[in-house]
N, C-alpha and C. Protein backbone atom coordinates (compact mmCIF):
# COMPACT_ATOMS: atom_id res chain seq x y z
N MET A 1 -3.34 -24.01 -19.36
CA MET A 1 -3.72 -23.18 -18.24
C MET A 1 -3.17 -21.77 -18.46
N ALA A 2 -4.00 -20.78 -18.29
CA ALA A 2 -3.59 -19.39 -18.50
C ALA A 2 -2.67 -18.93 -17.38
N ARG A 3 -1.66 -18.20 -17.76
CA ARG A 3 -0.75 -17.63 -16.78
C ARG A 3 -1.08 -16.17 -16.58
N ALA A 4 -0.72 -15.64 -15.43
CA ALA A 4 -0.97 -14.22 -15.14
C ALA A 4 0.26 -13.65 -14.47
N ARG A 5 0.47 -12.37 -14.70
CA ARG A 5 1.57 -11.67 -14.05
C ARG A 5 1.00 -10.51 -13.26
N VAL A 6 1.69 -10.19 -12.15
CA VAL A 6 1.28 -9.09 -11.29
C VAL A 6 2.48 -8.19 -11.06
N SER A 7 2.27 -6.92 -11.31
CA SER A 7 3.28 -5.91 -11.01
C SER A 7 2.93 -5.31 -9.65
N PHE A 8 3.90 -5.31 -8.74
CA PHE A 8 3.72 -4.78 -7.39
C PHE A 8 4.71 -3.66 -7.16
N SER A 9 4.25 -2.58 -6.54
CA SER A 9 5.16 -1.51 -6.12
C SER A 9 4.68 -0.96 -4.79
N ALA A 10 5.64 -0.55 -3.96
CA ALA A 10 5.32 -0.01 -2.65
C ALA A 10 6.36 1.01 -2.24
N SER A 11 5.90 2.03 -1.56
CA SER A 11 6.80 3.07 -1.07
C SER A 11 7.87 2.45 -0.18
N GLY A 12 9.11 2.70 -0.51
CA GLY A 12 10.22 2.21 0.29
C GLY A 12 10.59 0.75 0.05
N TYR A 13 9.84 0.03 -0.77
CA TYR A 13 10.11 -1.38 -1.02
C TYR A 13 10.45 -1.66 -2.47
N GLY A 14 10.33 -0.68 -3.33
CA GLY A 14 10.63 -0.88 -4.74
C GLY A 14 9.49 -1.55 -5.47
N SER A 15 9.84 -2.28 -6.52
CA SER A 15 8.81 -2.94 -7.31
C SER A 15 9.30 -4.30 -7.78
N GLU A 16 8.33 -5.15 -8.14
CA GLU A 16 8.65 -6.47 -8.67
C GLU A 16 7.48 -6.96 -9.50
N THR A 17 7.76 -7.93 -10.35
CA THR A 17 6.72 -8.59 -11.13
C THR A 17 6.76 -10.06 -10.79
N ARG A 18 5.59 -10.61 -10.48
CA ARG A 18 5.49 -12.04 -10.13
C ARG A 18 4.58 -12.75 -11.12
N SER A 19 4.84 -14.02 -11.36
CA SER A 19 4.02 -14.83 -12.26
C SER A 19 3.21 -15.83 -11.45
N PHE A 20 2.00 -16.12 -11.94
CA PHE A 20 1.10 -17.07 -11.31
C PHE A 20 0.55 -18.02 -12.36
N ARG A 21 0.07 -19.18 -11.91
CA ARG A 21 -0.48 -20.17 -12.82
C ARG A 21 -1.76 -19.72 -13.49
N SER A 22 -2.52 -18.88 -12.81
CA SER A 22 -3.81 -18.46 -13.35
C SER A 22 -4.17 -17.07 -12.84
N LYS A 23 -5.13 -16.46 -13.49
CA LYS A 23 -5.62 -15.16 -13.05
C LYS A 23 -6.22 -15.27 -11.65
N ASP A 24 -6.96 -16.34 -11.40
CA ASP A 24 -7.57 -16.53 -10.08
C ASP A 24 -6.51 -16.60 -8.98
N ALA A 25 -5.43 -17.32 -9.23
CA ALA A 25 -4.35 -17.43 -8.24
C ALA A 25 -3.70 -16.06 -8.01
N ALA A 26 -3.53 -15.29 -9.07
CA ALA A 26 -2.95 -13.96 -8.95
C ALA A 26 -3.84 -13.05 -8.12
N VAL A 27 -5.14 -13.05 -8.42
CA VAL A 27 -6.08 -12.20 -7.68
C VAL A 27 -6.15 -12.60 -6.22
N ASP A 28 -6.16 -13.90 -5.93
CA ASP A 28 -6.17 -14.37 -4.54
C ASP A 28 -4.94 -13.86 -3.79
N SER A 29 -3.78 -13.93 -4.43
CA SER A 29 -2.54 -13.46 -3.81
C SER A 29 -2.58 -11.96 -3.55
N ILE A 30 -3.07 -11.21 -4.54
CA ILE A 30 -3.18 -9.76 -4.39
C ILE A 30 -4.07 -9.42 -3.20
N LYS A 31 -5.22 -10.06 -3.13
CA LYS A 31 -6.17 -9.75 -2.06
C LYS A 31 -5.59 -10.07 -0.68
N ARG A 32 -4.88 -11.19 -0.56
CA ARG A 32 -4.25 -11.55 0.72
C ARG A 32 -3.18 -10.53 1.09
N ASP A 33 -2.29 -10.23 0.14
CA ASP A 33 -1.19 -9.29 0.40
C ASP A 33 -1.73 -7.90 0.74
N ALA A 34 -2.73 -7.44 -0.02
CA ALA A 34 -3.29 -6.11 0.21
C ALA A 34 -3.94 -6.02 1.58
N ALA A 35 -4.68 -7.04 1.97
CA ALA A 35 -5.33 -7.04 3.28
C ALA A 35 -4.30 -7.02 4.40
N GLU A 36 -3.21 -7.77 4.23
CA GLU A 36 -2.15 -7.82 5.23
C GLU A 36 -1.48 -6.45 5.39
N ILE A 37 -1.18 -5.81 4.29
CA ILE A 37 -0.54 -4.49 4.34
C ILE A 37 -1.49 -3.45 4.92
N ALA A 38 -2.76 -3.49 4.51
CA ALA A 38 -3.75 -2.55 5.04
C ALA A 38 -3.89 -2.71 6.54
N ASP A 39 -3.97 -3.96 7.02
CA ASP A 39 -4.08 -4.21 8.46
C ASP A 39 -2.86 -3.70 9.22
N ALA A 40 -1.69 -3.90 8.65
CA ALA A 40 -0.45 -3.49 9.32
C ALA A 40 -0.31 -1.98 9.41
N HIS A 41 -0.93 -1.26 8.48
CA HIS A 41 -0.76 0.19 8.43
C HIS A 41 -2.04 0.96 8.73
N GLY A 42 -3.10 0.25 9.10
CA GLY A 42 -4.36 0.92 9.39
C GLY A 42 -4.99 1.55 8.16
N GLY A 43 -4.63 1.04 7.00
CA GLY A 43 -5.13 1.63 5.75
C GLY A 43 -6.32 0.88 5.21
N GLU A 44 -6.67 1.20 3.96
CA GLU A 44 -7.78 0.53 3.31
C GLU A 44 -7.38 0.09 1.92
N VAL A 45 -7.98 -1.03 1.49
CA VAL A 45 -7.74 -1.57 0.16
C VAL A 45 -8.79 -1.01 -0.79
N VAL A 46 -8.33 -0.49 -1.92
CA VAL A 46 -9.24 -0.01 -2.95
C VAL A 46 -9.07 -0.90 -4.18
N ASP A 47 -10.16 -1.55 -4.59
CA ASP A 47 -10.16 -2.38 -5.79
C ASP A 47 -10.81 -1.53 -6.88
N TYR A 48 -10.03 -1.12 -7.85
CA TYR A 48 -10.54 -0.27 -8.91
C TYR A 48 -11.37 -1.03 -9.94
N GLY A 49 -11.36 -2.38 -9.85
CA GLY A 49 -12.18 -3.18 -10.73
C GLY A 49 -11.63 -3.34 -12.14
N ASN A 50 -10.46 -2.83 -12.38
CA ASN A 50 -9.85 -2.93 -13.71
C ASN A 50 -8.50 -3.64 -13.65
N GLY A 51 -8.33 -4.47 -12.62
CA GLY A 51 -7.05 -5.17 -12.47
C GLY A 51 -6.04 -4.39 -11.67
N GLU A 52 -6.51 -3.38 -10.95
CA GLU A 52 -5.65 -2.56 -10.10
C GLU A 52 -6.18 -2.54 -8.68
N TRP A 53 -5.28 -2.75 -7.72
CA TRP A 53 -5.61 -2.64 -6.30
C TRP A 53 -4.59 -1.72 -5.67
N VAL A 54 -5.05 -0.90 -4.72
CA VAL A 54 -4.18 0.05 -4.03
C VAL A 54 -4.49 -0.02 -2.54
N VAL A 55 -3.45 0.08 -1.73
CA VAL A 55 -3.65 0.27 -0.29
C VAL A 55 -3.30 1.71 0.01
N ASN A 56 -4.26 2.42 0.60
CA ASN A 56 -4.07 3.81 0.99
C ASN A 56 -3.95 3.90 2.50
N SER A 57 -3.10 4.81 2.96
CA SER A 57 -2.96 5.06 4.39
C SER A 57 -4.20 5.81 4.88
N PRO A 58 -4.37 5.92 6.19
CA PRO A 58 -5.51 6.68 6.71
C PRO A 58 -5.53 8.13 6.22
N SER A 59 -4.37 8.68 5.87
CA SER A 59 -4.32 10.06 5.38
C SER A 59 -4.56 10.14 3.87
N GLY A 60 -4.73 8.98 3.21
CA GLY A 60 -5.00 8.96 1.78
C GLY A 60 -3.78 8.73 0.91
N GLU A 61 -2.62 8.62 1.52
CA GLU A 61 -1.39 8.39 0.76
C GLU A 61 -1.33 6.95 0.28
N GLU A 62 -0.92 6.75 -0.97
CA GLU A 62 -0.78 5.40 -1.51
C GLU A 62 0.41 4.70 -0.88
N ILE A 63 0.16 3.52 -0.33
CA ILE A 63 1.21 2.73 0.31
C ILE A 63 1.73 1.66 -0.66
N ALA A 64 0.81 0.98 -1.33
CA ALA A 64 1.19 -0.11 -2.23
C ALA A 64 0.20 -0.21 -3.37
N ARG A 65 0.67 -0.78 -4.50
CA ARG A 65 -0.16 -0.93 -5.69
C ARG A 65 0.15 -2.26 -6.37
N TRP A 66 -0.91 -2.92 -6.84
CA TRP A 66 -0.80 -4.16 -7.62
C TRP A 66 -1.52 -3.94 -8.93
N GLU A 67 -0.92 -4.41 -10.01
CA GLU A 67 -1.57 -4.34 -11.32
C GLU A 67 -1.49 -5.71 -11.97
N LEU A 68 -2.66 -6.23 -12.34
CA LEU A 68 -2.75 -7.51 -13.01
C LEU A 68 -2.41 -7.29 -14.48
N MET A 69 -1.48 -8.10 -14.98
CA MET A 69 -1.03 -7.93 -16.36
C MET A 69 -1.45 -9.11 -17.21
């Protein structure tokens, strides 16, 4: 089974790298976390389609970033 790692960083929260059993599990986790943060801050999730997701605030400031490794 393929393993996947995700690098996460957020303003004021630092950064971390997490491991998942599969790419699908990693992407599912990213999407859930990004939606939760976007909802909490009134922001929007941007999926760049290259293994990168960003949550931007309503003013366009980056709040959080995930990178699939």
